[in-house]
Amino acid sequence: MRIKNEDYMDITNIYNLFEKCSRLYMDKIMVYESNNQYSYSYIRNRVYYRRRELENYGFKKGDILLVCSQDHISILELMLACWSLQGIVAIVNYELKRLDKELMKEYINPKMIYEDKELQTYSVTLADTITPDLCNAAYISFSTGTSNKPKGIVHSHRGLILNAKKINAYLKLSHNDKCLNLKPLHHVASLSSLILPSIMAGSELHFKRNDDLLSTTTYVYEKKITFIDVSATVLKYISYFSERQVLDCPLRIISVNGEHLSAEEITNIKEKFPNALIYYAYGMSEAGPRITYLDTDLYPNKLESVGKPLEEIELSILNHDEHNQLEGERKIGEIVINTPSLMIGYYKNNLLTNKIIGDGLLKTGDLGYLDKEGFLYVLGRVDGQISRGGVAIYPYEIEDMIKMMPRVTDCVVTESKDTMNGNRVIAFVSVSDHVEVKDIYNFCNSNLPLYLVPQSIFIVDEIPMKNGKLLRTKL
């Protein structure tokens, strides 16, 4: 019992998709959290209630609802209620420092805010007309950690639905599956890679905070979870804690993404979960987000790659030196994407939008190549972005903050390989007077979200430079 792919063709709003599925699956359990379970019809009634709440505040088409909460059920209800009114949802990372949250509110300028379990009006100066860049917009996600340099990514209903449909085409979830969401809801991947596919299939959707991986592993076994979509780091820990229970593992499908996995690491994970189908995927928020996937059972000789693109997605490699697309094996360049799930653009940043997708193609900022069979290999970032635990970290965010500390003269943030967590974030700091490493840690903990605090900090006499360029090998 599931909606067929062709039945999505006329659905242009995520709320309409939910409405259709909720009437099909009715009394089946839709959401499970903290030992409470809610049916599709119950959640639909709650969405009606939330919609009336928003309407009472004058919320209308094109208005923005900012959500900053850890309450998964309330977030889900409010998103759907907002979309039923053709509004736009912006979800802000709950773990940001309070000052960062306030700056994000000013930047987004929403009509309504849901925070600390309270719905309230924020903006009274919104224009009556919808700006062109927000037409058909559904959701704004943010790819930077702090709000002093926010990068809001505007997604359309159509793009998110199409991406979820294509993901479900190979996952083949059913109403018998139990899907566990471990990603925060401010990540677009949680929406299009798990929540929407789960709703489409009438699956049971479980929410759990990912702050204790041992308890998460226990939860998978106790609740008989059959599908997870996780970062490579999370999967490594689950496989580690599952070592003695492998034969009894209920997982039927595992989707792993967000970080590089070597062929050896994938092979080890497959040995830990011999009864599960394991898909290794690649994507980025701007693409909706899923771009490619690899069936590790079907292509055991391609485990170093991230697979082939989803249906209707085209890949090419751009040579920055010659400004020409390259063909042939191991021709390395920037990965460029043509996808129907492409973002509308960056919120309030037409300059960046034109730079990244000005010609309708997404310049990913990732380096890679296509082999002669069309499998994609990702080699790293053009801009030095660091991936840790499935989270994209931009070194300049940490560097700029540390440089604000008294007596700090310079700072460079880099990475080193971490077997379990993907990468370690390392800060090299030069100072003009006596500063201890613990002082820098304390400063970071007070001014940065936890996931941006470096794992290692070293004080150096000077940052090695030559002709204005950093000599990373000297660090």
Foldseek 3Di string as FASTA:
>chain_A
DFDDLVVCPPPFFVLVLLVVLCVVQPQAWAEDEPNDTDHSVRLVVLLVVLLVVCVVLVQAAAFEEEEQDPDPSVVVSNLSSCRVRNYAYEYDYNLADPVQVVLVCVQVVGQWYQDPNDIDGDHPDDDPDHDPLCVQWRYWAWQAFGNVDTWIFTFHSVLLLVLLSLLCVVVVDALDAEEEQADDPSQLCSVSVTSSVCSRRNHHYYYDHPPDLLVVLVCQLVVLHAEYEFEQLSLLSSLVNCQVPQVSGSHAEYEYELFADALVRVVSSCVSNVNHFYKYFYFDVQNSTTFAIDRCVVCVVQNQFRHAGGPPKDKWFADPVVRDTDDEAPPKHFIKMQHPSGTSAIPPCVPVRCVQCVVNIGGPQWMWGAHPVRTIHTDGGNQQWATWRSRTHHFVVLFVQLCPDPFWDGKGWHWDQDPNTRIFIEMETEGRDDDDPVNSQVSCVVRGRPVHRGPYYHYDNDQDDDPRHGDVVVD
